[in-house]
């Protein structure tokens, strides 16, 4: 498993709601290789989003270990986790999560600003990203002046500006029409073809079928892994 980017071992995630316990993830074992393209599917409440939050270091498991690039990230302090998150993980959400008062260029620059990258390098990389994503003429527009597709392109540019090892996309086409969604998926898939690991959470079976590997979650468990079938 030398090339595994992600290794989850015996992961448990339990939420306490009043007197009841909800097992969002149960004894999860999962390895994802560097450069893989994985779709995580399953009904609402199956554990998809919990898994994504865990992979993105937005949440910690109650038990088990998570190795990212060979490093046990479950033992890191919140500050160390935040640093790994900013440098190695890019997020793309259904609702874009752009900062309303910032322009497209400022939204894209945000991770670099937070990471303390110097302004000259920041400006250069933002200009390149705006050009790459066909947004150069929208650099000074705020999110409310952009179409859904443009907002999602800004979000992808922001997610990739730090050159992360992986992108976590949560229903990335959920708020877009089919044609715009197709454009957005092509952008993500192009990044994957250049070696970025792409993990997409989706309800859309057509979207899921595009991935090289499909994981089906149900009741907090991994019920089906297409990679296992291929090896069988």
C-alpha atoms as a PDB file:
ATOM      1  CA  UNK A   1       0.000   0.000   0.000  1.00  0.00           C
ATOM      2  CA  UNK A   2       2.941   2.278  -0.608  1.00  0.00           C
ATOM      3  CA  UNK A   3       1.028   4.734  -2.758  1.00  0.00           C
ATOM      4  CA  UNK A   4      -1.973   5.092  -0.448  1.00  0.00           C
ATOM      5  CA  UNK A   5      -2.729   8.769   0.084  1.00  0.00           C
ATOM      6  CA  UNK A   6      -5.467   7.990   2.594  1.00  0.00           C
ATOM      7  CA  UNK A   7      -5.649   5.062   5.010  1.00  0.00           C
ATOM      8  CA  UNK A   8      -8.565   4.788   7.409  1.00  0.00           C
ATOM      9  CA  UNK A   9      -8.411   2.018   9.980  1.00  0.00           C
ATOM     10  CA  UNK A  10     -11.208   0.963  12.363  1.00  0.00           C
ATOM     11  CA  UNK A  11     -12.842   4.406  12.169  1.00  0.00           C
ATOM     12  CA  UNK A  12     -15.846   5.003  14.410  1.00  0.00           C
ATOM     13  CA  UNK A  13     -17.868   8.211  14.590  1.00  0.00           C
ATOM     14  CA  UNK A  14     -20.720   8.439  17.079  1.00  0.00           C
ATOM     15  CA  UNK A  15     -23.021  11.407  17.593  1.00  0.00           C
ATOM     16  CA  UNK A  16     -25.035  11.797  20.778  1.00  0.00           C
ATOM     17  CA  UNK A  17     -28.504  13.200  20.181  1.00  0.00           C
ATOM     18  CA  UNK A  18     -30.294  13.521  23.490  1.00  0.00           C
ATOM     19  CA  UNK A  19     -30.272  10.029  25.006  1.00  0.00           C
ATOM     20  CA  UNK A  20     -29.658   8.236  21.734  1.00  0.00           C
ATOM     21  CA  UNK A  21     -26.427   7.375  19.953  1.00  0.00           C
ATOM     22  CA  UNK A  22     -26.129   7.677  16.205  1.00  0.00           C
ATOM     23  CA  UNK A  23     -23.354   5.604  14.643  1.00  0.00           C
ATOM     24  CA  UNK A  24     -22.491   7.799  11.668  1.00  0.00           C
ATOM     25  CA  UNK A  25     -19.484   5.634  10.771  1.00  0.00           C
ATOM     26  CA  UNK A  26     -18.953   2.045  11.903  1.00  0.00           C
ATOM     27  CA  UNK A  27     -15.603   0.251  11.824  1.00  0.00           C
ATOM     28  CA  UNK A  28     -14.609   1.831   8.546  1.00  0.00           C
ATOM     29  CA  UNK A  29     -11.568   0.457   6.718  1.00  0.00           C
ATOM     30  CA  UNK A  30     -10.580   2.333   3.585  1.00  0.00           C
ATOM     31  CA  UNK A  31      -7.479   3.050   1.516  1.00  0.00           C
ATOM     32  CA  UNK A  32      -7.447   5.535  -1.350  1.00  0.00           C
ATOM     33  CA  UNK A  33      -4.441   5.794  -3.636  1.00  0.00           C
ATOM     34  CA  UNK A  34      -2.814   8.999  -4.726  1.00  0.00           C
ATOM     35  CA  UNK A  35      -4.355  10.215  -8.002  1.00  0.00           C
ATOM     36  CA  UNK A  36      -7.523   8.139  -7.585  1.00  0.00           C
ATOM     37  CA  UNK A  37     -10.999   9.377  -8.598  1.00  0.00           C
ATOM     38  CA  UNK A  38     -13.581   8.124  -6.114  1.00  0.00           C
ATOM     39  CA  UNK A  39     -17.338   8.652  -5.858  1.00  0.00           C
ATOM     40  CA  UNK A  40     -18.927   8.219  -2.430  1.00  0.00           C
ATOM     41  CA  UNK A  41     -22.623   7.412  -2.782  1.00  0.00           C
ATOM     42  CA  UNK A  42     -25.532   6.320  -0.638  1.00  0.00           C
ATOM     43  CA  UNK A  43     -28.835   7.578   0.762  1.00  0.00           C
ATOM     44  CA  UNK A  44     -29.155  10.564   3.112  1.00  0.00           C
ATOM     45  CA  UNK A  45     -27.889   9.662   6.569  1.00  0.00           C
ATOM     46  CA  UNK A  46     -25.616   6.906   5.228  1.00  0.00           C
ATOM     47  CA  UNK A  47     -22.429   8.554   6.512  1.00  0.00           C
ATOM     48  CA  UNK A  48     -21.215  10.171   3.264  1.00  0.00           C
ATOM     49  CA  UNK A  49     -20.903  13.691   4.647  1.00  0.00           C
ATOM     50  CA  UNK A  50     -19.458  12.464   7.936  1.00  0.00           C
ATOM     51  CA  UNK A  51     -16.788  10.600   5.964  1.00  0.00           C
ATOM     52  CA  UNK A  52     -16.050  13.709   3.902  1.00  0.00           C
ATOM     53  CA  UNK A  53     -15.776  15.898   7.009  1.00  0.00           C
ATOM     54  CA  UNK A  54     -13.426  13.369   8.544  1.00  0.00           C
ATOM     55  CA  UNK A  55     -11.239  13.154   5.429  1.00  0.00           C
ATOM     56  CA  UNK A  56     -11.162  16.960   5.318  1.00  0.00           C
ATOM     57  CA  UNK A  57     -10.115  17.200   8.987  1.00  0.00           C
ATOM     58  CA  UNK A  58     -13.282  19.140   9.787  1.00  0.00           C
ATOM     59  CA  UNK A  59     -14.212  16.428  12.281  1.00  0.00           C
ATOM     60  CA  UNK A  60     -12.391  13.822  14.371  1.00  0.00           C
ATOM     61  CA  UNK A  61     -13.298  10.139  14.751  1.00  0.00           C
ATOM     62  CA  UNK A  62     -14.195   8.690  18.155  1.00  0.00           C
ATOM     63  CA  UNK A  63     -11.921   5.731  17.441  1.00  0.00           C
ATOM     64  CA  UNK A  64      -9.549   4.505  14.760  1.00  0.00           C
ATOM     65  CA  UNK A  65      -6.730   6.134  12.821  1.00  0.00           C
ATOM     66  CA  UNK A  66      -6.545   8.287   9.708  1.00  0.00           C
ATOM     67  CA  UNK A  67      -3.228   8.381   7.860  1.00  0.00           C
ATOM     68  CA  UNK A  68      -2.859  11.083   5.211  1.00  0.00           C
ATOM     69  CA  UNK A  69       0.319  10.877   3.127  1.00  0.00           C
ATOM     70  CA  UNK A  70       1.716   8.425   5.670  1.00  0.00           C
ATOM     71  CA  UNK A  71       1.091  10.689   8.653  1.00  0.00           C
ATOM     72  CA  UNK A  72      -1.393   9.965  11.447  1.00  0.00           C
ATOM     73  CA  UNK A  73      -3.461  13.153  11.293  1.00  0.00           C
ATOM     74  CA  UNK A  74      -5.916  12.124  14.028  1.00  0.00           C
ATOM     75  CA  UNK A  75      -3.279  12.867  16.691  1.00  0.00           C
ATOM     76  CA  UNK A  76      -2.484  16.392  15.459  1.00  0.00           C
ATOM     77  CA  UNK A  77      -3.470  19.506  17.376  1.00  0.00           C
ATOM     78  CA  UNK A  78      -6.277  21.659  15.903  1.00  0.00           C
ATOM     79  CA  UNK A  79      -3.629  24.149  14.695  1.00  0.00           C
ATOM     80  CA  UNK A  80      -1.625  21.410  12.964  1.00  0.00           C
ATOM     81  CA  UNK A  81      -4.793  19.990  11.430  1.00  0.00           C
ATOM     82  CA  UNK A  82      -5.745  23.442  10.134  1.00  0.00           C
ATOM     83  CA  UNK A  83      -2.356  23.717   8.471  1.00  0.00           C
ATOM     84  CA  UNK A  84      -2.661  20.310   6.771  1.00  0.00           C
ATOM     85  CA  UNK A  85      -6.174  21.286   5.688  1.00  0.00           C
ATOM     86  CA  UNK A  86      -4.984  24.546   4.167  1.00  0.00           C
ATOM     87  CA  UNK A  87      -1.979  23.043   2.358  1.00  0.00           C
ATOM     88  CA  UNK A  88      -3.059  19.546   1.322  1.00  0.00           C
ATOM     89  CA  UNK A  89      -6.875  19.544   1.006  1.00  0.00           C
ATOM     90  CA  UNK A  90      -9.161  21.526  -1.301  1.00  0.00           C
ATOM     91  CA  UNK A  91     -12.925  21.730  -0.691  1.00  0.00           C
ATOM     92  CA  UNK A  92     -15.687  22.268  -3.245  1.00  0.00           C
ATOM     93  CA  UNK A  93     -19.233  22.501  -1.847  1.00  0.00           C
ATOM     94  CA  UNK A  94     -22.698  22.476  -3.405  1.00  0.00           C
ATOM     95  CA  UNK A  95     -23.429  25.964  -2.078  1.00  0.00           C
ATOM     96  CA  UNK A  96     -20.023  27.376  -3.139  1.00  0.00           C
ATOM     97  CA  UNK A  97     -19.217  28.908   0.318  1.00  0.00           C
ATOM     98  CA  UNK A  98     -17.688  32.036  -1.196  1.00  0.00           C
ATOM     99  CA  UNK A  99     -17.193  35.130   0.969  1.00  0.00           C
ATOM    100  CA  UNK A 100     -19.952  37.505  -0.254  1.00  0.00           C
ATOM    101  CA  UNK A 101     -18.079  40.775   0.215  1.00  0.00           C
ATOM    102  CA  UNK A 102     -14.896  39.590  -1.526  1.00  0.00           C
ATOM    103  CA  UNK A 103     -14.338  39.702  -5.281  1.00  0.00           C
ATOM    104  CA  UNK A 104     -13.665  36.565  -7.306  1.00  0.00           C
ATOM    105  CA  UNK A 105      -9.926  37.309  -7.216  1.00  0.00           C
ATOM    106  CA  UNK A 106      -9.969  37.892  -3.433  1.00  0.00           C
ATOM    107  CA  UNK A 107     -11.940  34.687  -2.820  1.00  0.00           C
ATOM    108  CA  UNK A 108      -9.415  32.702  -4.845  1.00  0.00           C
ATOM    109  CA  UNK A 109      -6.513  34.355  -2.992  1.00  0.00           C
ATOM    110  CA  UNK A 110      -7.985  33.647   0.452  1.00  0.00           C
ATOM    111  CA  UNK A 111      -6.159  30.342   1.210  1.00  0.00           C
ATOM    112  CA  UNK A 112      -2.837  31.921   0.206  1.00  0.00           C
ATOM    113  CA  UNK A 113      -3.567  35.019   2.296  1.00  0.00           C
ATOM    114  CA  UNK A 114      -4.280  32.780   5.306  1.00  0.00           C
ATOM    115  CA  UNK A 115      -1.113  30.774   4.627  1.00  0.00           C
ATOM    116  CA  UNK A 116       0.967  33.964   4.581  1.00  0.00           C
ATOM    117  CA  UNK A 117       2.155  33.679   0.967  1.00  0.00           C
ATOM    118  CA  UNK A 118       3.691  36.951  -0.191  1.00  0.00           C
ATOM    119  CA  UNK A 119       1.466  39.351  -2.189  1.00  0.00           C
ATOM    120  CA  UNK A 120       3.501  39.243  -5.418  1.00  0.00           C
ATOM    121  CA  UNK A 121       3.336  35.441  -5.659  1.00  0.00           C
ATOM    122  CA  UNK A 122      -0.322  35.572  -4.628  1.00  0.00           C
ATOM    123  CA  UNK A 123      -1.200  38.035  -7.393  1.00  0.00           C
ATOM    124  CA  UNK A 124       0.641  35.950  -9.987  1.00  0.00           C
ATOM    125  CA  UNK A 125      -1.053  32.691  -9.017  1.00  0.00           C
ATOM    126  CA  UNK A 126      -4.507  34.301  -8.820  1.00  0.00           C
ATOM    127  CA  UNK A 127      -4.104  35.853 -12.285  1.00  0.00           C
ATOM    128  CA  UNK A 128      -3.106  32.437 -13.661  1.00  0.00           C
ATOM    129  CA  UNK A 129      -6.071  30.739 -11.954  1.00  0.00           C
ATOM    130  CA  UNK A 130      -8.516  33.364 -13.249  1.00  0.00           C
ATOM    131  CA  UNK A 131      -7.166  32.789 -16.774  1.00  0.00           C
ATOM    132  CA  UNK A 132      -7.250  28.978 -16.407  1.00  0.00           C
ATOM    133  CA  UNK A 133     -10.887  29.039 -15.319  1.00  0.00           C
ATOM    134  CA  UNK A 134     -12.093  31.615 -17.840  1.00  0.00           C
ATOM    135  CA  UNK A 135     -12.727  34.190 -15.115  1.00  0.00           C
ATOM    136  CA  UNK A 136     -10.262  36.971 -16.018  1.00  0.00           C
ATOM    137  CA  UNK A 137     -13.092  39.355 -16.953  1.00  0.00           C
ATOM    138  CA  UNK A 138     -14.863  38.531 -13.658  1.00  0.00           C
ATOM    139  CA  UNK A 139     -11.910  39.146 -11.319  1.00  0.00           C
ATOM    140  CA  UNK A 140     -13.497  42.187  -9.636  1.00  0.00           C
ATOM    141  CA  UNK A 141     -17.034  40.781  -9.427  1.00  0.00           C
ATOM    142  CA  UNK A 142     -18.489  39.725  -6.102  1.00  0.00           C
ATOM    143  CA  UNK A 143     -20.306  36.359  -5.865  1.00  0.00           C
ATOM    144  CA  UNK A 144     -23.761  37.982  -6.220  1.00  0.00           C
ATOM    145  CA  UNK A 145     -22.637  39.327  -9.601  1.00  0.00           C
ATOM    146  CA  UNK A 146     -21.647  35.878 -10.882  1.00  0.00           C
ATOM    147  CA  UNK A 147     -23.674  33.005 -12.348  1.00  0.00           C
ATOM    148  CA  UNK A 148     -23.840  29.651 -10.533  1.00  0.00           C
ATOM    149  CA  UNK A 149     -21.284  28.136 -12.889  1.00  0.00           C
ATOM    150  CA  UNK A 150     -18.911  31.066 -12.428  1.00  0.00           C
ATOM    151  CA  UNK A 151     -19.254  30.833  -8.652  1.00  0.00           C
ATOM    152  CA  UNK A 152     -18.412  27.145  -8.729  1.00  0.00           C
ATOM    153  CA  UNK A 153     -15.384  27.843 -10.960  1.00  0.00           C
ATOM    154  CA  UNK A 154     -14.216  30.453  -8.429  1.00  0.00           C
ATOM    155  CA  UNK A 155     -14.711  27.842  -5.684  1.00  0.00           C
ATOM    156  CA  UNK A 156     -12.649  25.263  -7.609  1.00  0.00           C
ATOM    157  CA  UNK A 157      -9.912  27.820  -8.288  1.00  0.00           C
ATOM    158  CA  UNK A 158      -9.847  28.653  -4.579  1.00  0.00           C
ATOM    159  CA  UNK A 159      -9.776  24.935  -3.673  1.00  0.00           C
ATOM    160  CA  UNK A 160      -6.782  24.274  -5.916  1.00  0.00           C
ATOM    161  CA  UNK A 161      -4.724  27.461  -5.499  1.00  0.00           C
ATOM    162  CA  UNK A 162      -2.559  25.835  -2.781  1.00  0.00           C
ATOM    163  CA  UNK A 163      -1.925  22.822  -5.063  1.00  0.00           C
ATOM    164  CA  UNK A 164      -3.479  20.325  -2.640  1.00  0.00           C
ATOM    165  CA  UNK A 165      -2.972  16.554  -2.748  1.00  0.00           C
ATOM    166  CA  UNK A 166      -6.736  15.997  -2.855  1.00  0.00           C
ATOM    167  CA  UNK A 167     -10.012  17.701  -3.595  1.00  0.00           C
ATOM    168  CA  UNK A 168     -13.134  16.839  -1.614  1.00  0.00           C
ATOM    169  CA  UNK A 169     -16.247  17.776  -3.568  1.00  0.00           C
ATOM    170  CA  UNK A 170     -19.634  17.604  -1.829  1.00  0.00           C
ATOM    171  CA  UNK A 171     -22.451  17.495  -4.427  1.00  0.00           C
ATOM    172  CA  UNK A 172     -20.416  19.906  -6.613  1.00  0.00           C
ATOM    173  CA  UNK A 173     -23.130  20.115  -9.291  1.00  0.00           C
ATOM    174  CA  UNK A 174     -26.091  20.139  -6.885  1.00  0.00           C
ATOM    175  CA  UNK A 175     -27.058  23.775  -7.528  1.00  0.00           C
ATOM    176  CA  UNK A 176     -26.206  23.816 -11.235  1.00  0.00           C
ATOM    177  CA  UNK A 177     -28.097  22.956 -14.398  1.00  0.00           C
ATOM    178  CA  UNK A 178     -26.943  19.867 -16.314  1.00  0.00           C
ATOM    179  CA  UNK A 179     -24.756  21.692 -18.877  1.00  0.00           C
ATOM    180  CA  UNK A 180     -23.034  23.873 -16.272  1.00  0.00           C
ATOM    181  CA  UNK A 181     -22.603  20.850 -14.018  1.00  0.00           C
ATOM    182  CA  UNK A 182     -20.951  19.023 -16.903  1.00  0.00           C
ATOM    183  CA  UNK A 183     -18.450  21.903 -17.303  1.00  0.00           C
ATOM    184  CA  UNK A 184     -17.666  21.852 -13.591  1.00  0.00           C
ATOM    185  CA  UNK A 185     -17.100  18.079 -13.594  1.00  0.00           C
ATOM    186  CA  UNK A 186     -14.790  18.394 -16.594  1.00  0.00           C
ATOM    187  CA  UNK A 187     -12.705  20.944 -14.677  1.00  0.00           C
ATOM    188  CA  UNK A 188     -12.462  18.631 -11.657  1.00  0.00           C
ATOM    189  CA  UNK A 189     -11.659  15.624 -13.851  1.00  0.00           C
ATOM    190  CA  UNK A 190      -8.935  17.561 -15.632  1.00  0.00           C
ATOM    191  CA  UNK A 191      -7.320  18.295 -12.268  1.00  0.00           C
ATOM    192  CA  UNK A 192      -7.578  14.583 -11.455  1.00  0.00           C
ATOM    193  CA  UNK A 193      -5.893  13.702 -14.759  1.00  0.00           C
ATOM    194  CA  UNK A 194      -2.961  15.856 -13.616  1.00  0.00           C
ATOM    195  CA  UNK A 195      -2.592  13.761 -10.473  1.00  0.00           C
ATOM    196  CA  UNK A 196      -4.856  15.411  -7.894  1.00  0.00           C
ATOM    197  CA  UNK A 197      -6.881  12.851  -5.939  1.00  0.00           C
ATOM    198  CA  UNK A 198     -10.584  13.581  -6.433  1.00  0.00           C
ATOM    199  CA  UNK A 199     -13.249  12.409  -3.979  1.00  0.00           C
ATOM    200  CA  UNK A 200     -16.822  13.317  -4.888  1.00  0.00           C
ATOM    201  CA  UNK A 201     -19.826  12.818  -2.612  1.00  0.00           C
ATOM    202  CA  UNK A 202     -23.004  12.624  -4.679  1.00  0.00           C
ATOM    203  CA  UNK A 203     -26.593  11.361  -4.838  1.00  0.00           C
ATOM    204  CA  UNK A 204     -26.376  11.439  -8.635  1.00  0.00           C
ATOM    205  CA  UNK A 205     -25.684   7.956 -10.028  1.00  0.00           C
ATOM    206  CA  UNK A 206     -24.668   9.361 -13.422  1.00  0.00           C
ATOM    207  CA  UNK A 207     -22.096  11.550 -11.699  1.00  0.00           C
ATOM    208  CA  UNK A 208     -20.944   8.645  -9.565  1.00  0.00           C
ATOM    209  CA  UNK A 209     -20.507   6.424 -12.612  1.00  0.00           C
ATOM    210  CA  UNK A 210     -17.906   8.849 -14.007  1.00  0.00           C
ATOM    211  CA  UNK A 211     -15.479   8.064 -11.169  1.00  0.00           C
ATOM    212  CA  UNK A 212     -12.889   5.297 -11.484  1.00  0.00           C
ATOM    213  CA  UNK A 213     -14.063   3.839  -8.181  1.00  0.00           C
ATOM    214  CA  UNK A 214     -17.469   3.822  -6.492  1.00  0.00           C
ATOM    215  CA  UNK A 215     -18.021   3.478  -2.748  1.00  0.00           C
ATOM    216  CA  UNK A 216     -21.540   2.852  -1.490  1.00  0.00           C
ATOM    217  CA  UNK A 217     -22.284   3.853   2.093  1.00  0.00           C
ATOM    218  CA  UNK A 218     -25.251   2.628   4.098  1.00  0.00           C
ATOM    219  CA  UNK A 219     -25.929   3.069   7.819  1.00  0.00           C
ATOM    220  CA  UNK A 220     -22.389   4.262   8.455  1.00  0.00           C
ATOM    221  CA  UNK A 221     -20.816   1.233   6.794  1.00  0.00           C
ATOM    222  CA  UNK A 222     -19.044   0.741   3.497  1.00  0.00           C
ATOM    223  CA  UNK A 223     -21.408  -1.688   1.758  1.00  0.00           C
ATOM    224  CA  UNK A 224     -19.824  -1.790  -1.672  1.00  0.00           C
ATOM    225  CA  UNK A 225     -16.430  -0.887  -3.129  1.00  0.00           C
ATOM    226  CA  UNK A 226     -16.019  -1.297  -6.875  1.00  0.00           C
ATOM    227  CA  UNK A 227     -12.229  -1.611  -6.466  1.00  0.00           C
ATOM    228  CA  UNK A 228     -12.713  -4.786  -4.419  1.00  0.00           C
ATOM    229  CA  UNK A 229     -14.854  -6.307  -7.191  1.00  0.00           C
ATOM    230  CA  UNK A 230     -12.216  -5.512  -9.796  1.00  0.00           C
ATOM    231  CA  UNK A 231      -9.563  -7.349  -7.808  1.00  0.00           C
ATOM    232  CA  UNK A 232     -11.816 -10.348  -7.130  1.00  0.00           C
END
